[in-house]
C-alpha atoms as a PDB file:
ATOM      1  CA  UNK A   1      -8.462 -26.207   0.051  1.00  0.00           C
ATOM      2  CA  UNK A   2      -5.269 -28.252   0.363  1.00  0.00           C
ATOM      3  CA  UNK A   3      -2.708 -27.639   3.063  1.00  0.00           C
ATOM      4  CA  UNK A   4      -0.422 -24.759   2.099  1.00  0.00           C
ATOM      5  CA  UNK A   5       3.288 -25.237   1.529  1.00  0.00           C
ATOM      6  CA  UNK A   6       5.137 -22.076   0.512  1.00  0.00           C
ATOM      7  CA  UNK A   7       7.218 -22.087  -2.666  1.00  0.00           C
ATOM      8  CA  UNK A   8      10.827 -22.733  -1.570  1.00  0.00           C
ATOM      9  CA  UNK A   9      12.086 -20.480  -4.393  1.00  0.00           C
ATOM     10  CA  UNK A  10      10.032 -17.453  -3.313  1.00  0.00           C
ATOM     11  CA  UNK A  11      12.905 -15.290  -2.156  1.00  0.00           C
ATOM     12  CA  UNK A  12      14.681 -15.598  -5.498  1.00  0.00           C
ATOM     13  CA  UNK A  13      11.651 -14.257  -7.377  1.00  0.00           C
ATOM     14  CA  UNK A  14      11.025 -10.758  -5.964  1.00  0.00           C
ATOM     15  CA  UNK A  15      13.736  -8.085  -5.638  1.00  0.00           C
ATOM     16  CA  UNK A  16      13.827  -6.123  -2.396  1.00  0.00           C
ATOM     17  CA  UNK A  17      14.797  -2.637  -1.224  1.00  0.00           C
ATOM     18  CA  UNK A  18      15.863  -1.158   2.088  1.00  0.00           C
ATOM     19  CA  UNK A  19      13.364   1.271   3.603  1.00  0.00           C
ATOM     20  CA  UNK A  20      15.339   4.489   3.941  1.00  0.00           C
ATOM     21  CA  UNK A  21      18.224   4.028   6.376  1.00  0.00           C
ATOM     22  CA  UNK A  22      16.361   1.588   8.622  1.00  0.00           C
ATOM     23  CA  UNK A  23      16.629  -2.151   9.019  1.00  0.00           C
ATOM     24  CA  UNK A  24      13.276  -2.636   7.290  1.00  0.00           C
ATOM     25  CA  UNK A  25      13.509  -4.391   3.932  1.00  0.00           C
ATOM     26  CA  UNK A  26      10.463  -4.572   1.658  1.00  0.00           C
ATOM     27  CA  UNK A  27       9.649  -6.463  -1.512  1.00  0.00           C
ATOM     28  CA  UNK A  28       9.506  -4.030  -4.412  1.00  0.00           C
ATOM     29  CA  UNK A  29       5.862  -5.070  -4.853  1.00  0.00           C
ATOM     30  CA  UNK A  30       3.717  -5.323  -1.711  1.00  0.00           C
ATOM     31  CA  UNK A  31       0.088  -6.418  -1.388  1.00  0.00           C
ATOM     32  CA  UNK A  32      -2.604  -4.100  -0.067  1.00  0.00           C
ATOM     33  CA  UNK A  33      -5.844  -5.490   1.354  1.00  0.00           C
ATOM     34  CA  UNK A  34      -7.941  -2.338   0.869  1.00  0.00           C
ATOM     35  CA  UNK A  35     -10.347  -4.047  -1.558  1.00  0.00           C
ATOM     36  CA  UNK A  36     -11.437  -7.662  -2.173  1.00  0.00           C
ATOM     37  CA  UNK A  37     -10.598  -9.057   1.277  1.00  0.00           C
ATOM     38  CA  UNK A  38     -13.718  -7.949   3.169  1.00  0.00           C
ATOM     39  CA  UNK A  39     -16.828  -9.707   4.406  1.00  0.00           C
ATOM     40  CA  UNK A  40     -18.630  -9.084   1.083  1.00  0.00           C
ATOM     41  CA  UNK A  41     -15.855 -10.801  -0.893  1.00  0.00           C
ATOM     42  CA  UNK A  42     -14.941 -14.419  -1.538  1.00  0.00           C
ATOM     43  CA  UNK A  43     -12.904 -15.779   1.350  1.00  0.00           C
ATOM     44  CA  UNK A  44     -11.438 -18.562  -0.803  1.00  0.00           C
ATOM     45  CA  UNK A  45     -10.303 -16.046  -3.415  1.00  0.00           C
ATOM     46  CA  UNK A  46      -8.698 -13.904  -0.711  1.00  0.00           C
ATOM     47  CA  UNK A  47      -6.923 -16.970   0.606  1.00  0.00           C
ATOM     48  CA  UNK A  48      -5.672 -17.903  -2.877  1.00  0.00           C
ATOM     49  CA  UNK A  49      -4.383 -14.347  -3.399  1.00  0.00           C
ATOM     50  CA  UNK A  50      -2.411 -14.307  -0.155  1.00  0.00           C
ATOM     51  CA  UNK A  51      -0.917 -17.711  -0.947  1.00  0.00           C
ATOM     52  CA  UNK A  52       0.047 -16.606  -4.464  1.00  0.00           C
ATOM     53  CA  UNK A  53       1.588 -13.381  -3.184  1.00  0.00           C
ATOM     54  CA  UNK A  54       3.777 -15.146  -0.632  1.00  0.00           C
ATOM     55  CA  UNK A  55       4.800 -17.774  -3.189  1.00  0.00           C
ATOM     56  CA  UNK A  56       6.011 -14.933  -5.432  1.00  0.00           C
ATOM     57  CA  UNK A  57       8.177 -13.399  -2.704  1.00  0.00           C
ATOM     58  CA  UNK A  58       5.675 -10.771  -1.567  1.00  0.00           C
ATOM     59  CA  UNK A  59       6.011 -10.902   2.203  1.00  0.00           C
ATOM     60  CA  UNK A  60       4.569  -7.459   3.042  1.00  0.00           C
ATOM     61  CA  UNK A  61       0.799  -7.290   3.595  1.00  0.00           C
ATOM     62  CA  UNK A  62      -0.757  -3.891   4.276  1.00  0.00           C
ATOM     63  CA  UNK A  63      -4.080  -3.352   6.056  1.00  0.00           C
ATOM     64  CA  UNK A  64      -6.004  -0.708   8.010  1.00  0.00           C
ATOM     65  CA  UNK A  65      -8.610  -0.917  10.746  1.00  0.00           C
ATOM     66  CA  UNK A  66     -11.454   0.156   8.427  1.00  0.00           C
ATOM     67  CA  UNK A  67     -10.619  -1.976   5.378  1.00  0.00           C
ATOM     68  CA  UNK A  68     -13.508  -4.128   4.227  1.00  0.00           C
ATOM     69  CA  UNK A  69     -16.338  -3.657   3.735  1.00  0.00           C
ATOM     70  CA  UNK A  70     -17.550  -4.089   6.437  1.00  0.00           C
ATOM     71  CA  UNK A  71     -14.954  -2.067   8.370  1.00  0.00           C
ATOM     72  CA  UNK A  72     -12.615  -4.443  10.190  1.00  0.00           C
ATOM     73  CA  UNK A  73     -13.509  -7.439   8.060  1.00  0.00           C
ATOM     74  CA  UNK A  74     -10.318  -7.372   5.971  1.00  0.00           C
ATOM     75  CA  UNK A  75      -8.299  -7.684   9.168  1.00  0.00           C
ATOM     76  CA  UNK A  76     -10.594 -10.461  10.380  1.00  0.00           C
ATOM     77  CA  UNK A  77     -10.236 -12.409   7.133  1.00  0.00           C
ATOM     78  CA  UNK A  78      -6.500 -11.856   7.117  1.00  0.00           C
ATOM     79  CA  UNK A  79      -6.361 -13.214  10.660  1.00  0.00           C
ATOM     80  CA  UNK A  80      -8.213 -16.353   9.619  1.00  0.00           C
ATOM     81  CA  UNK A  81      -5.951 -16.918   6.602  1.00  0.00           C
ATOM     82  CA  UNK A  82      -2.871 -16.170   8.681  1.00  0.00           C
ATOM     83  CA  UNK A  83      -3.914 -18.827  11.199  1.00  0.00           C
ATOM     84  CA  UNK A  84      -4.644 -21.373   8.458  1.00  0.00           C
ATOM     85  CA  UNK A  85      -1.670 -20.832   6.149  1.00  0.00           C
ATOM     86  CA  UNK A  86       0.923 -18.310   7.258  1.00  0.00           C
ATOM     87  CA  UNK A  87       1.352 -18.515  11.019  1.00  0.00           C
ATOM     88  CA  UNK A  88       4.440 -20.698  10.757  1.00  0.00           C
ATOM     89  CA  UNK A  89       5.991 -17.979   8.564  1.00  0.00           C
ATOM     90  CA  UNK A  90       5.277 -15.119  11.006  1.00  0.00           C
ATOM     91  CA  UNK A  91       8.916 -14.115  11.363  1.00  0.00           C
ATOM     92  CA  UNK A  92       9.242 -13.826   7.568  1.00  0.00           C
ATOM     93  CA  UNK A  93       6.192 -11.589   7.203  1.00  0.00           C
ATOM     94  CA  UNK A  94       5.966  -7.832   7.479  1.00  0.00           C
ATOM     95  CA  UNK A  95       2.393  -6.924   8.413  1.00  0.00           C
ATOM     96  CA  UNK A  96       1.158  -3.354   8.719  1.00  0.00           C
ATOM     97  CA  UNK A  97      -2.082  -1.705   9.754  1.00  0.00           C
ATOM     98  CA  UNK A  98      -3.339   1.824  10.386  1.00  0.00           C
ATOM     99  CA  UNK A  99      -5.789   3.995  12.305  1.00  0.00           C
ATOM    100  CA  UNK A 100      -7.190   7.441  11.655  1.00  0.00           C
ATOM    101  CA  UNK A 101     -10.235   7.159   9.427  1.00  0.00           C
ATOM    102  CA  UNK A 102     -13.735   6.513  10.795  1.00  0.00           C
ATOM    103  CA  UNK A 103     -13.962   3.078  12.389  1.00  0.00           C
ATOM    104  CA  UNK A 104     -16.527   3.246  15.212  1.00  0.00           C
ATOM    105  CA  UNK A 105     -19.081   5.686  16.603  1.00  0.00           C
ATOM    106  CA  UNK A 106     -18.209   8.444  19.053  1.00  0.00           C
ATOM    107  CA  UNK A 107     -15.370  10.953  19.339  1.00  0.00           C
ATOM    108  CA  UNK A 108     -12.642   8.300  19.593  1.00  0.00           C
ATOM    109  CA  UNK A 109     -13.594   6.292  16.500  1.00  0.00           C
ATOM    110  CA  UNK A 110     -11.360   8.286  14.160  1.00  0.00           C
ATOM    111  CA  UNK A 111      -8.557  10.869  13.852  1.00  0.00           C
ATOM    112  CA  UNK A 112      -5.426  10.830  16.026  1.00  0.00           C
ATOM    113  CA  UNK A 113      -5.872  11.098  19.758  1.00  0.00           C
ATOM    114  CA  UNK A 114      -3.773   8.883  22.019  1.00  0.00           C
ATOM    115  CA  UNK A 115      -6.912   6.975  23.030  1.00  0.00           C
ATOM    116  CA  UNK A 116      -8.010   6.465  19.417  1.00  0.00           C
ATOM    117  CA  UNK A 117      -4.691   5.168  18.139  1.00  0.00           C
ATOM    118  CA  UNK A 118      -3.939   2.816  21.043  1.00  0.00           C
ATOM    119  CA  UNK A 119      -7.505   1.457  21.201  1.00  0.00           C
ATOM    120  CA  UNK A 120      -7.546   0.886  17.459  1.00  0.00           C
ATOM    121  CA  UNK A 121      -4.207  -0.896  17.533  1.00  0.00           C
ATOM    122  CA  UNK A 122      -5.504  -3.250  20.238  1.00  0.00           C
ATOM    123  CA  UNK A 123      -8.632  -3.990  18.194  1.00  0.00           C
ATOM    124  CA  UNK A 124      -6.584  -4.662  15.060  1.00  0.00           C
ATOM    125  CA  UNK A 125      -4.313  -7.114  16.850  1.00  0.00           C
ATOM    126  CA  UNK A 126      -7.341  -9.061  18.083  1.00  0.00           C
ATOM    127  CA  UNK A 127      -8.929  -9.171  14.634  1.00  0.00           C
ATOM    128  CA  UNK A 128      -5.718 -10.368  12.989  1.00  0.00           C
ATOM    129  CA  UNK A 129      -4.839 -12.811  15.790  1.00  0.00           C
ATOM    130  CA  UNK A 130      -1.387 -11.236  16.145  1.00  0.00           C
ATOM    131  CA  UNK A 131       0.804 -10.418  19.131  1.00  0.00           C
ATOM    132  CA  UNK A 132       2.230  -7.406  17.296  1.00  0.00           C
ATOM    133  CA  UNK A 133       2.277  -5.714  13.897  1.00  0.00           C
ATOM    134  CA  UNK A 134       5.504  -4.849  12.169  1.00  0.00           C
ATOM    135  CA  UNK A 135       4.401  -1.335  11.170  1.00  0.00           C
ATOM    136  CA  UNK A 136       1.604   0.748  12.668  1.00  0.00           C
ATOM    137  CA  UNK A 137       0.603   3.910  10.804  1.00  0.00           C
ATOM    138  CA  UNK A 138      -1.261   7.042  11.673  1.00  0.00           C
ATOM    139  CA  UNK A 139      -3.532   6.935   8.622  1.00  0.00           C
ATOM    140  CA  UNK A 140      -4.161  10.679   8.288  1.00  0.00           C
ATOM    141  CA  UNK A 141      -3.243  13.863  10.160  1.00  0.00           C
ATOM    142  CA  UNK A 142      -5.662  15.153  12.795  1.00  0.00           C
ATOM    143  CA  UNK A 143      -6.254  18.916  12.492  1.00  0.00           C
ATOM    144  CA  UNK A 144      -7.581  19.154  16.065  1.00  0.00           C
ATOM    145  CA  UNK A 145      -5.194  16.956  18.055  1.00  0.00           C
ATOM    146  CA  UNK A 146      -1.631  18.217  18.656  1.00  0.00           C
ATOM    147  CA  UNK A 147       0.838  16.430  16.427  1.00  0.00           C
ATOM    148  CA  UNK A 148       2.953  15.701  19.503  1.00  0.00           C
ATOM    149  CA  UNK A 149       0.108  13.677  21.034  1.00  0.00           C
ATOM    150  CA  UNK A 150      -0.343  11.516  17.943  1.00  0.00           C
ATOM    151  CA  UNK A 151       3.388  10.850  17.680  1.00  0.00           C
ATOM    152  CA  UNK A 152       3.671  10.121  21.414  1.00  0.00           C
ATOM    153  CA  UNK A 153       0.895   7.554  20.945  1.00  0.00           C
ATOM    154  CA  UNK A 154       2.909   5.890  18.171  1.00  0.00           C
ATOM    155  CA  UNK A 155       5.949   5.933  20.455  1.00  0.00           C
ATOM    156  CA  UNK A 156       3.946   4.184  23.197  1.00  0.00           C
ATOM    157  CA  UNK A 157       2.620   1.605  20.722  1.00  0.00           C
ATOM    158  CA  UNK A 158       6.213   0.625  19.934  1.00  0.00           C
ATOM    159  CA  UNK A 159       7.466   0.706  23.520  1.00  0.00           C
ATOM    160  CA  UNK A 160       4.534  -1.422  24.701  1.00  0.00           C
ATOM    161  CA  UNK A 161       5.353  -4.128  22.139  1.00  0.00           C
ATOM    162  CA  UNK A 162       2.289  -3.609  19.957  1.00  0.00           C
ATOM    163  CA  UNK A 163       4.407  -2.659  16.912  1.00  0.00           C
ATOM    164  CA  UNK A 164       8.044  -2.827  15.885  1.00  0.00           C
ATOM    165  CA  UNK A 165       8.056   0.279  13.685  1.00  0.00           C
ATOM    166  CA  UNK A 166       5.700   3.151  12.910  1.00  0.00           C
ATOM    167  CA  UNK A 167       4.851   5.292   9.920  1.00  0.00           C
ATOM    168  CA  UNK A 168       2.491   7.995   8.746  1.00  0.00           C
ATOM    169  CA  UNK A 169       0.184   8.237   5.741  1.00  0.00           C
ATOM    170  CA  UNK A 170      -1.567  11.000   3.804  1.00  0.00           C
ATOM    171  CA  UNK A 171       0.374  13.801   5.515  1.00  0.00           C
ATOM    172  CA  UNK A 172       1.549  16.889   3.616  1.00  0.00           C
ATOM    173  CA  UNK A 173       5.296  17.213   3.100  1.00  0.00           C
ATOM    174  CA  UNK A 174       5.531  19.949   5.724  1.00  0.00           C
ATOM    175  CA  UNK A 175       3.555  18.046   8.355  1.00  0.00           C
ATOM    176  CA  UNK A 176       5.378  14.796   7.580  1.00  0.00           C
ATOM    177  CA  UNK A 177       8.711  16.495   8.192  1.00  0.00           C
ATOM    178  CA  UNK A 178       7.449  17.758  11.560  1.00  0.00           C
ATOM    179  CA  UNK A 179       6.060  14.335  12.505  1.00  0.00           C
ATOM    180  CA  UNK A 180       9.266  12.473  11.718  1.00  0.00           C
ATOM    181  CA  UNK A 181      11.272  15.110  13.615  1.00  0.00           C
ATOM    182  CA  UNK A 182       9.146  14.445  16.720  1.00  0.00           C
ATOM    183  CA  UNK A 183       9.595  10.690  16.318  1.00  0.00           C
ATOM    184  CA  UNK A 184      13.361  11.146  16.085  1.00  0.00           C
ATOM    185  CA  UNK A 185      13.343  13.207  19.288  1.00  0.00           C
ATOM    186  CA  UNK A 186      11.384  10.406  20.979  1.00  0.00           C
ATOM    187  CA  UNK A 187      13.839   7.844  19.528  1.00  0.00           C
ATOM    188  CA  UNK A 188      10.898   6.046  17.968  1.00  0.00           C
ATOM    189  CA  UNK A 189      11.562   4.041  14.773  1.00  0.00           C
ATOM    190  CA  UNK A 190       9.499   6.106  12.321  1.00  0.00           C
ATOM    191  CA  UNK A 191      10.731   4.466   9.143  1.00  0.00           C
ATOM    192  CA  UNK A 192       8.136   4.853   6.383  1.00  0.00           C
ATOM    193  CA  UNK A 193       5.694   7.197   4.675  1.00  0.00           C
ATOM    194  CA  UNK A 194       2.719   5.873   2.712  1.00  0.00           C
ATOM    195  CA  UNK A 195       1.056   8.062   0.101  1.00  0.00           C
ATOM    196  CA  UNK A 196      -0.883   8.041  -3.152  1.00  0.00           C
ATOM    197  CA  UNK A 197       1.383   8.254  -6.216  1.00  0.00           C
ATOM    198  CA  UNK A 198       1.108   7.197  -9.850  1.00  0.00           C
ATOM    199  CA  UNK A 199       1.708   8.503 -13.366  1.00  0.00           C
ATOM    200  CA  UNK A 200      -1.459  10.559 -13.238  1.00  0.00           C
ATOM    201  CA  UNK A 201      -1.195  11.703  -9.633  1.00  0.00           C
ATOM    202  CA  UNK A 202       2.197  13.219  -8.853  1.00  0.00           C
ATOM    203  CA  UNK A 203       1.531  15.433  -5.856  1.00  0.00           C
ATOM    204  CA  UNK A 204       4.047  13.600  -3.674  1.00  0.00           C
ATOM    205  CA  UNK A 205       6.844  14.242  -6.130  1.00  0.00           C
ATOM    206  CA  UNK A 206       5.772  17.791  -6.963  1.00  0.00           C
ATOM    207  CA  UNK A 207       5.586  18.733  -3.278  1.00  0.00           C
ATOM    208  CA  UNK A 208       9.128  17.540  -2.586  1.00  0.00           C
ATOM    209  CA  UNK A 209       8.002  14.615  -0.423  1.00  0.00           C
ATOM    210  CA  UNK A 210      10.468  12.098  -1.859  1.00  0.00           C
ATOM    211  CA  UNK A 211      13.368  14.530  -1.544  1.00  0.00           C
ATOM    212  CA  UNK A 212      12.446  15.301   2.060  1.00  0.00           C
ATOM    213  CA  UNK A 213      12.142  11.622   2.982  1.00  0.00           C
ATOM    214  CA  UNK A 214      15.452  10.825   1.319  1.00  0.00           C
ATOM    215  CA  UNK A 215      17.180  13.608   3.250  1.00  0.00           C
ATOM    216  CA  UNK A 216      16.061  12.164   6.611  1.00  0.00           C
ATOM    217  CA  UNK A 217      16.513   8.487   5.711  1.00  0.00           C
ATOM    218  CA  UNK A 218      12.834   7.484   5.627  1.00  0.00           C
ATOM    219  CA  UNK A 219      11.385   5.126   3.010  1.00  0.00           C
ATOM    220  CA  UNK A 220       8.285   5.577   0.874  1.00  0.00           C
ATOM    221  CA  UNK A 221       5.610   3.110  -0.185  1.00  0.00           C
ATOM    222  CA  UNK A 222       3.079   4.206  -2.804  1.00  0.00           C
ATOM    223  CA  UNK A 223      -0.577   3.204  -2.882  1.00  0.00           C
ATOM    224  CA  UNK A 224      -2.970   3.490  -5.846  1.00  0.00           C
ATOM    225  CA  UNK A 225      -0.059   2.871  -8.243  1.00  0.00           C
ATOM    226  CA  UNK A 226      -2.547   1.935 -10.977  1.00  0.00           C
ATOM    227  CA  UNK A 227      -4.901   4.842 -10.196  1.00  0.00           C
ATOM    228  CA  UNK A 228      -7.687   2.464  -9.097  1.00  0.00           C
ATOM    229  CA  UNK A 229      -7.148   0.303 -12.195  1.00  0.00           C
ATOM    230  CA  UNK A 230      -7.099   3.141 -14.733  1.00  0.00           C
ATOM    231  CA  UNK A 231      -3.436   2.443 -15.509  1.00  0.00           C
ATOM    232  CA  UNK A 232      -4.207  -1.029 -16.759  1.00  0.00           C
ATOM    233  CA  UNK A 233      -6.094  -2.376 -19.766  1.00  0.00           C
ATOM    234  CA  UNK A 234      -9.230  -2.933 -17.664  1.00  0.00           C
ATOM    235  CA  UNK A 235     -10.995   0.172 -18.997  1.00  0.00           C
ATOM    236  CA  UNK A 236      -9.460   0.220 -22.461  1.00  0.00           C
ATOM    237  CA  UNK A 237     -12.652  -0.938 -24.179  1.00  0.00           C
ATOM    238  CA  UNK A 238     -15.290   0.230 -21.720  1.00  0.00           C
ATOM    239  CA  UNK A 239     -16.288  -0.451 -18.132  1.00  0.00           C
ATOM    240  CA  UNK A 240     -16.424  -4.162 -17.231  1.00  0.00           C
ATOM    241  CA  UNK A 241     -18.959  -5.495 -14.754  1.00  0.00           C
ATOM    242  CA  UNK A 242     -17.851  -5.706 -11.105  1.00  0.00           C
ATOM    243  CA  UNK A 243     -14.937  -3.319 -11.698  1.00  0.00           C
ATOM    244  CA  UNK A 244     -14.170  -0.613  -9.151  1.00  0.00           C
ATOM    245  CA  UNK A 245     -15.744   2.015 -11.403  1.00  0.00           C
ATOM    246  CA  UNK A 246     -19.108   0.218 -11.272  1.00  0.00           C
ATOM    247  CA  UNK A 247     -19.066   0.399  -7.470  1.00  0.00           C
ATOM    248  CA  UNK A 248     -19.083   4.217  -7.689  1.00  0.00           C
ATOM    249  CA  UNK A 249     -16.897   4.620  -4.628  1.00  0.00           C
ATOM    250  CA  UNK A 250     -13.527   6.327  -5.149  1.00  0.00           C
ATOM    251  CA  UNK A 251     -13.462   5.695  -8.903  1.00  0.00           C
ATOM    252  CA  UNK A 252     -16.718   6.628 -10.648  1.00  0.00           C
ATOM    253  CA  UNK A 253     -18.052   5.573 -14.040  1.00  0.00           C
ATOM    254  CA  UNK A 254     -18.224   9.171 -15.252  1.00  0.00           C
ATOM    255  CA  UNK A 255     -14.454   9.443 -14.784  1.00  0.00           C
ATOM    256  CA  UNK A 256     -13.850   6.854 -17.528  1.00  0.00           C
ATOM    257  CA  UNK A 257     -14.147   9.258 -20.468  1.00  0.00           C
ATOM    258  CA  UNK A 258     -13.228   8.812 -24.130  1.00  0.00           C
ATOM    259  CA  UNK A 259     -10.307  11.179 -23.578  1.00  0.00           C
ATOM    260  CA  UNK A 260      -9.036   9.046 -20.698  1.00  0.00           C
ATOM    261  CA  UNK A 261      -9.365   5.856 -22.741  1.00  0.00           C
ATOM    262  CA  UNK A 262      -7.315   7.519 -25.502  1.00  0.00           C
ATOM    263  CA  UNK A 263      -4.541   8.176 -22.989  1.00  0.00           C
ATOM    264  CA  UNK A 264      -4.729   4.588 -21.747  1.00  0.00           C
ATOM    265  CA  UNK A 265      -4.428   3.335 -25.337  1.00  0.00           C
ATOM    266  CA  UNK A 266      -1.344   5.495 -25.963  1.00  0.00           C
ATOM    267  CA  UNK A 267       0.308   4.380 -22.729  1.00  0.00           C
ATOM    268  CA  UNK A 268      -0.469   0.778 -23.567  1.00  0.00           C
ATOM    269  CA  UNK A 269       1.382   1.150 -26.864  1.00  0.00           C
ATOM    270  CA  UNK A 270       4.506   2.286 -24.986  1.00  0.00           C
ATOM    271  CA  UNK A 271       4.160  -0.671 -22.626  1.00  0.00           C
ATOM    272  CA  UNK A 272       3.943  -3.077 -25.558  1.00  0.00           C
ATOM    273  CA  UNK A 273       7.188  -1.656 -26.954  1.00  0.00           C
ATOM    274  CA  UNK A 274       8.773  -2.397 -23.562  1.00  0.00           C
ATOM    275  CA  UNK A 275       7.363  -5.966 -23.583  1.00  0.00           C
ATOM    276  CA  UNK A 276       5.301  -5.138 -20.508  1.00  0.00           C
ATOM    277  CA  UNK A 277       1.631  -4.893 -19.743  1.00  0.00           C
ATOM    278  CA  UNK A 278       0.376  -1.397 -18.984  1.00  0.00           C
ATOM    279  CA  UNK A 279       0.031  -2.288 -15.299  1.00  0.00           C
ATOM    280  CA  UNK A 280       3.607  -3.559 -15.167  1.00  0.00           C
ATOM    281  CA  UNK A 281       4.896  -0.391 -16.832  1.00  0.00           C
ATOM    282  CA  UNK A 282       2.933   1.812 -14.409  1.00  0.00           C
ATOM    283  CA  UNK A 283       4.485   0.008 -11.442  1.00  0.00           C
ATOM    284  CA  UNK A 284       7.946   0.050 -12.991  1.00  0.00           C
ATOM    285  CA  UNK A 285       7.624   3.806 -13.602  1.00  0.00           C
ATOM    286  CA  UNK A 286       7.060   4.352  -9.868  1.00  0.00           C
ATOM    287  CA  UNK A 287       9.910   2.043  -8.881  1.00  0.00           C
ATOM    288  CA  UNK A 288      12.122   4.104 -11.194  1.00  0.00           C
ATOM    289  CA  UNK A 289      11.562   7.216  -9.034  1.00  0.00           C
ATOM    290  CA  UNK A 290      14.208   8.125  -6.480  1.00  0.00           C
ATOM    291  CA  UNK A 291      13.251   7.344  -2.892  1.00  0.00           C
ATOM    292  CA  UNK A 292      10.524   4.783  -3.573  1.00  0.00           C
ATOM    293  CA  UNK A 293      10.934   1.583  -1.573  1.00  0.00           C
ATOM    294  CA  UNK A 294       7.880  -0.386  -2.686  1.00  0.00           C
ATOM    295  CA  UNK A 295       4.631  -0.138  -4.619  1.00  0.00           C
ATOM    296  CA  UNK A 296       1.470  -1.228  -2.845  1.00  0.00           C
ATOM    297  CA  UNK A 297      -0.773  -3.159  -5.216  1.00  0.00           C
ATOM    298  CA  UNK A 298      -4.358  -4.224  -4.793  1.00  0.00           C
ATOM    299  CA  UNK A 299      -5.725  -7.226  -6.636  1.00  0.00           C
ATOM    300  CA  UNK A 300      -8.928  -9.134  -7.307  1.00  0.00           C
ATOM    301  CA  UNK A 301      -7.335 -12.397  -8.455  1.00  0.00           C
ATOM    302  CA  UNK A 302      -4.116 -14.409  -8.111  1.00  0.00           C
ATOM    303  CA  UNK A 303      -3.471 -13.739 -11.806  1.00  0.00           C
ATOM    304  CA  UNK A 304      -3.356  -9.983 -11.204  1.00  0.00           C
ATOM    305  CA  UNK A 305      -0.817 -10.519  -8.421  1.00  0.00           C
ATOM    306  CA  UNK A 306       1.357 -12.565 -10.780  1.00  0.00           C
ATOM    307  CA  UNK A 307       1.182  -9.770 -13.361  1.00  0.00           C
ATOM    308  CA  UNK A 308       2.180  -7.101 -10.849  1.00  0.00           C
ATOM    309  CA  UNK A 309       4.968  -9.239  -9.409  1.00  0.00           C
ATOM    310  CA  UNK A 310       6.747  -9.207 -12.768  1.00  0.00           C
ATOM    311  CA  UNK A 311       6.967  -5.389 -12.888  1.00  0.00           C
ATOM    312  CA  UNK A 312      10.406  -5.121 -11.207  1.00  0.00           C
ATOM    313  CA  UNK A 313      11.956  -7.148 -14.045  1.00  0.00           C
ATOM    314  CA  UNK A 314      12.284  -3.922 -16.068  1.00  0.00           C
ATOM    315  CA  UNK A 315      12.293  -0.625 -14.185  1.00  0.00           C
ATOM    316  CA  UNK A 316      14.722   1.207 -16.497  1.00  0.00           C
ATOM    317  CA  UNK A 317      13.272   3.905 -18.768  1.00  0.00           C
ATOM    318  CA  UNK A 318      14.926   5.842 -21.553  1.00  0.00           C
ATOM    319  CA  UNK A 319      14.597   9.612 -21.507  1.00  0.00           C
ATOM    320  CA  UNK A 320      12.485   9.326 -24.668  1.00  0.00           C
ATOM    321  CA  UNK A 321      10.059   6.933 -22.958  1.00  0.00           C
ATOM    322  CA  UNK A 322       9.703   9.208 -19.938  1.00  0.00           C
ATOM    323  CA  UNK A 323       9.037  12.200 -22.169  1.00  0.00           C
ATOM    324  CA  UNK A 324       6.413  10.274 -24.154  1.00  0.00           C
ATOM    325  CA  UNK A 325       4.638   9.274 -20.953  1.00  0.00           C
ATOM    326  CA  UNK A 326       4.677  12.851 -19.670  1.00  0.00           C
ATOM    327  CA  UNK A 327       3.308  14.178 -22.951  1.00  0.00           C
ATOM    328  CA  UNK A 328       0.348  11.792 -22.640  1.00  0.00           C
ATOM    329  CA  UNK A 329      -0.594  12.134 -18.984  1.00  0.00           C
ATOM    330  CA  UNK A 330       0.395  15.656 -18.005  1.00  0.00           C
ATOM    331  CA  UNK A 331      -1.974  18.554 -18.756  1.00  0.00           C
END
C-alpha cells in the first residue's frame, strides 16, 4: 500500500460540534472500531477505512479493550495502522477506548474496580502504541463496586497522564447523573456519555438522558445509530452473506422479519424523498436531536464510511417527516 498523505481539504468536509460545555470538539460522524477491525478481519481493508475516514474529516476513532475478535485485536490493529499512517497526525486525532466488559480471566478482568480500570488502560495504551488516549470510558456500571471507586479510578487515569478526558457508557440516567456529579467534585473532566440510540431504540431520550446531560453541560455520542445495519438498505431484500445478522451475535437472522422489512421499505421511501440513503437519514435523524454531539458509525468498507460522512449535509426534518417516521417505527 502506498505511503499515506492525508487529504488537505479534510477539515472543510465534515461539520463539527462542541461536546457539551467542554473544550472537546467532535466530528458529527465518528468511526467506531467495534466490528471489522479485529484479528479475523482484513488488515488492509481496516487500513483503507481509517485512511478514508480521516480524509473525510473524521478524526475521532472509538475503541474498547475487548473489541475484536479476538479481544484486544482491534486496538492492536489500530496501533499498527496508527504507526504506519497516522502517527504524524496524533495531535489532530481524538482517540478513545473503554474498560468494563470481560477482557481477561479472574476477578479483575471486567467491571469497574480501580485495579481493573487502571490495568486495562495500561494494556490498551500498549496495544495501540500510544502515550495517552484522549477519552477513557468506564464501559458499563459495576453493581458491586462503589461508584465512587470507579470514578476515582477515572480521576487517577487523567491525573497520571493516561487520558485527557473521561466518560461513561451504558449507564442509566440516574446513575449517570450521580457519576458525573462525583467527577465534578473531583474536578475531573468528565465530558461525554456514550449510549445506544437510534430511530428504533429510544431509551436514552425517553429516560431523559439527553435533557440531563444538557443541563450539566456534558455531550452525548450515540452508538448503533443504524441498529446494527437494520436502518440501511442492507436487509431490504433479504439477508446478505457475511452481514452481521449471519454472524448471529447481537443481531440475529430471526430478527429480520417480513414486518421489519416492510418498515425498512417505508423508511427508505422517506429517505428517497429527502435525497438521502436510508443510512444517511437515520444518522441525520439522530443529529437532529437536542444534545447529540456525534454519531458513532461502524463500517465494513471505505464506501460505507463515505456514505455515512454525507449524512450531516441534511439534518433538518419537517414536522410531517418526523411524524411519518414515528408512525412507522413506534409501536
